[in-house]
Protein backbone atom coordinates (compact mmCIF):
# COMPACT_ATOMS: atom_id res chain seq x y z
CA MET A 1 -50.50 -26.55 0.83
CA ASP A 2 -51.59 -25.52 -2.63
CA ILE A 3 -49.70 -25.35 -5.94
CA GLY A 4 -49.05 -21.59 -5.58
CA GLU A 5 -47.30 -22.12 -2.23
CA LEU A 6 -45.17 -24.91 -3.71
CA ARG A 7 -44.15 -22.71 -6.65
CA ARG A 8 -43.24 -19.85 -4.29
CA ARG A 9 -41.09 -22.18 -2.17
CA ARG A 10 -39.47 -23.66 -5.27
CA LEU A 11 -38.63 -20.12 -6.48
CA GLU A 12 -37.13 -19.21 -3.08
CA ASN A 13 -35.09 -22.42 -3.08
CA ARG A 14 -33.90 -21.74 -6.62
CA GLN A 15 -32.81 -18.20 -5.68
CA THR A 16 -30.98 -19.49 -2.59
CA TYR A 17 -29.31 -22.18 -4.69
CA ASP A 18 -28.26 -19.65 -7.38
CA ALA A 19 -26.82 -17.28 -4.74
CA ALA A 20 -24.89 -20.14 -3.12
CA LEU A 21 -23.62 -21.26 -6.53
CA ARG A 22 -22.43 -17.72 -7.37
CA ASN A 23 -20.68 -17.53 -4.01
CA LEU A 24 -18.94 -20.87 -4.63
CA GLU A 25 -17.83 -19.67 -8.08
CA LYS A 26 -16.32 -16.53 -6.51
CA ILE A 27 -14.47 -18.69 -3.96
CA ARG A 28 -13.25 -20.99 -6.76
CA ASP A 29 -12.00 -18.03 -8.83
CA GLU A 30 -10.24 -16.46 -5.85
CA THR A 31 -8.65 -19.79 -4.95
CA ALA A 32 -7.38 -20.17 -8.53
CA ARG A 33 -5.94 -16.63 -8.39
CA VAL A 34 -4.19 -17.31 -5.07
CA ILE A 35 -2.75 -20.57 -6.43
CA ASP A 36 -1.47 -18.70 -9.50
CA VAL A 37 0.14 -15.98 -7.36
CA THR A 38 1.77 -18.40 -4.96
CA SER A 39 3.11 -20.62 -7.73
CA ASN A 40 4.54 -17.58 -9.59
CA ALA A 41 5.55 -15.52 -6.55
CA LYS A 42 9.22 -15.22 -7.54
CA LYS A 43 8.35 -14.08 -11.06
CA ILE A 44 5.79 -11.54 -9.79
CA LEU A 45 8.23 -10.14 -7.22
CA ASN A 46 10.92 -9.81 -9.88
CA GLU A 47 8.48 -7.92 -12.12
CA ILE A 48 7.56 -5.59 -9.24
CA ASP A 49 11.25 -4.99 -8.46
CA ALA A 50 12.04 -4.27 -12.10
CA GLU A 51 9.14 -1.83 -12.38
CA PHE A 52 10.22 -0.07 -9.15
CA GLU A 53 13.81 0.24 -10.40
CA SER A 54 12.68 1.56 -13.77
CA GLN A 55 10.57 4.27 -12.13
CA THR A 56 12.86 5.24 -9.24
CA GLY A 57 16.30 3.97 -10.23
CA LEU A 58 19.40 6.15 -10.10
CA ASN A 59 20.94 6.96 -13.45
CA SER A 60 24.54 8.11 -14.01
CA THR A 61 23.65 11.79 -13.52
CA ASP A 62 21.99 11.00 -10.21
CA MET A 63 25.00 9.00 -9.07
CA ALA A 64 27.41 11.80 -10.04
CA PHE A 65 25.31 14.33 -8.14
CA LEU A 66 25.09 12.03 -5.11
CA PHE A 67 28.86 11.47 -4.97
CA PHE A 68 29.56 15.18 -5.50
CA ALA A 69 27.20 16.13 -2.65
CA THR A 70 28.81 13.50 -0.41
CA ALA A 71 32.28 14.84 -1.24
CA LEU A 72 31.19 18.40 -0.44
CA GLN A 73 29.77 17.25 2.87
CA CYS A 74 33.04 15.46 3.76
CA VAL A 75 35.09 18.55 2.87
CA ARG A 76 32.77 20.78 4.91
CA GLN A 77 33.05 18.55 7.95
CA TYR A 78 36.82 18.31 7.62
CA TRP A 79 37.41 22.06 7.26
CA LEU A 80 34.64 23.52 9.40
CA SER A 81 34.27 21.17 12.33
CA ASN A 82 36.98 22.59 14.55
CA ASP A 83 36.39 24.57 17.73
CA ARG A 84 37.34 28.03 16.45
CA TYR A 85 33.94 28.32 14.75
CA ARG A 86 32.02 27.48 17.93
CA PHE A 87 30.80 29.79 20.68
CA LYS A 88 32.50 29.55 24.05
CA SER A 89 29.18 29.35 25.91
CA ASP A 90 25.46 29.52 25.36
CA GLN A 91 25.47 33.09 26.72
CA ALA A 92 27.91 34.09 23.96
CA SER A 93 25.67 32.57 21.29
CA SER A 94 22.58 34.31 22.75
CA LYS A 95 24.45 37.64 22.78
CA PHE A 96 25.48 37.16 19.13
CA ILE A 97 21.95 36.25 18.05
CA LYS A 98 20.38 39.19 19.90
CA LYS A 99 22.93 41.55 18.37
CA TYR A 100 22.57 40.44 14.73
CA ALA A 101 19.14 38.78 14.39
CA PRO A 102 16.01 40.89 13.94
CA VAL A 103 13.55 40.91 16.82
CA SER A 104 11.02 39.01 14.70
CA LEU A 105 13.31 35.97 14.76
CA THR A 106 14.04 36.03 18.48
CA GLY A 107 10.97 37.62 20.05
CA PRO A 108 7.21 37.26 19.99
CA VAL A 109 5.18 37.68 16.82
CA PRO A 110 2.14 39.98 16.60
CA TYR A 111 -0.26 37.26 15.48
CA ASP A 112 0.23 35.63 18.91
CA ALA A 113 -1.54 38.64 20.47
CA PHE A 114 -4.77 37.81 22.23
CA LYS A 115 -4.77 40.13 25.27
CA LYS A 116 -6.12 43.67 24.95
CA ALA A 117 -3.95 46.74 25.40
CA ASP A 118 -5.08 49.31 27.95
CA GLY A 119 -7.73 51.59 26.55
CA TRP A 120 -9.12 49.21 23.91
CA GLN A 121 -12.51 47.79 24.85
CA ASP A 122 -13.82 46.01 21.72
CA SER A 123 -13.81 42.22 21.46
CA SER A 124 -11.57 40.66 18.83
CA GLY A 125 -12.79 37.10 19.30
CA ILE A 126 -9.17 35.98 19.68
CA SER A 127 -8.18 34.17 22.86
CA GLY A 128 -5.25 32.19 24.16
CA ILE A 129 -7.16 29.00 23.39
CA ASN A 130 -8.16 29.74 19.79
CA HIS A 131 -5.52 32.14 18.43
CA ARG A 132 -3.57 29.39 16.63
CA TYR A 133 -6.48 28.45 14.39
CA THR A 134 -8.13 31.89 14.35
CA THR A 135 -5.21 33.94 13.00
CA LEU A 136 -3.83 33.65 9.46
CA GLY A 137 -0.26 34.04 10.69
CA HIS A 138 -0.44 30.50 12.10
CA ASP A 139 -1.84 28.98 8.89
CA PRO A 140 0.71 26.61 7.29
CA LEU A 141 0.27 28.08 3.79
CA LEU A 142 -1.34 31.48 4.14
CA GLY A 143 0.97 32.23 7.07
CA TRP A 144 3.84 32.77 4.61
CA VAL A 145 2.01 35.82 3.29
CA PHE A 146 -0.18 37.04 6.15
CA GLY A 147 2.25 36.10 8.93
CA THR A 148 5.04 38.01 7.22
CA ALA A 149 2.72 40.97 6.62
CA ASN A 150 1.61 40.88 10.26
CA ILE A 151 5.22 40.85 11.49
CA LEU A 152 6.20 43.75 9.21
CA THR A 153 3.25 45.92 10.24
CA GLU A 154 2.72 44.70 13.83
CA THR A 155 -0.83 43.54 13.15
CA VAL A 156 -3.04 40.48 13.58
CA THR A 157 -5.29 39.14 10.79
CA LYS A 158 -8.16 36.77 11.56
CA LYS A 159 -9.02 33.78 9.41
CA ASN A 160 -12.52 34.79 8.31
CA ILE A 161 -14.22 36.05 5.16
CA LEU A 162 -13.72 39.71 6.10
CA LEU A 163 -10.04 39.26 7.01
CA GLU A 164 -10.62 41.28 10.19
CA SER A 165 -7.37 42.86 11.30
CA TYR A 166 -6.10 44.53 14.44
CA ASP A 167 -3.12 46.65 15.40
CA ALA A 168 -0.82 45.01 17.94
CA LYS A 169 1.56 46.76 20.30
CA LEU A 170 4.59 45.17 21.98
CA LEU A 171 4.07 45.80 25.71
CA GLY A 172 6.16 44.06 28.36
CA GLY A 173 7.59 41.43 26.04
CA GLU A 174 4.26 40.39 24.51
CA TYR A 175 1.99 41.76 21.83
CA ARG A 176 -1.43 43.08 22.82
CA ILE A 177 -4.35 43.97 20.56
CA ALA A 178 -4.61 47.77 20.50
CA GLY A 179 -7.10 48.73 17.79
CA ASN A 180 -8.83 47.98 14.50
CA THR A 181 -7.16 48.13 11.10
CA ASN A 182 -7.86 46.54 7.72
CA ILE A 183 -6.05 44.27 5.28
CA GLY A 184 -5.55 47.07 2.74
CA THR A 185 -3.69 49.16 5.30
CA ILE A 186 -1.55 46.14 6.23
CA PHE A 187 -0.46 45.41 2.65
CA ASN A 188 0.03 49.11 1.93
CA GLY A 189 2.28 49.29 4.99
CA CYS A 190 4.20 46.21 3.80
CA TYR A 191 4.67 47.81 0.41
CA HIS A 192 6.12 50.98 1.95
CA ILE A 193 8.37 49.01 4.32
CA VAL A 194 9.78 46.77 1.61
CA ILE A 195 10.02 49.28 -1.24
């Protein structure tokens, strides 16, 4: 063993020692922090509670609103919870809903269409398996716009860069894809229906 080998080993030992010393210092610091937290736990919890109350606490306006809303709810339950406002049977409620609710609230929606109508041969790429994530009507945000537009115009709009769209026809209680259309025609149709 020569002097170079001894120096190399001494350097390795020194690096190992320094790393172990740094690790022990980290453990010592963390132990001191834990001791501080445990000895001041009540004070720290009180500070956290005070901060939470200052950021989320109810002020007098909130309390007045809360009691007013509670009073309204009590009055509503007292006045409107008797049997004269209830349907006699589930058939009576279904009859009422079918009579006064639009078909879009009680029936199928066009963006559920995935089967082809007779006479249409092209492929839409929409199937029973993928139509929920393929059509914009099922999108949680864009569905508010495109789903409503699809219901108004009896169409289906795909979730792709071209916004491919198809006409849908209600046949036998379900919508079927019956032809191509485009997003401009859909929104133009919505405009003329609403205005």
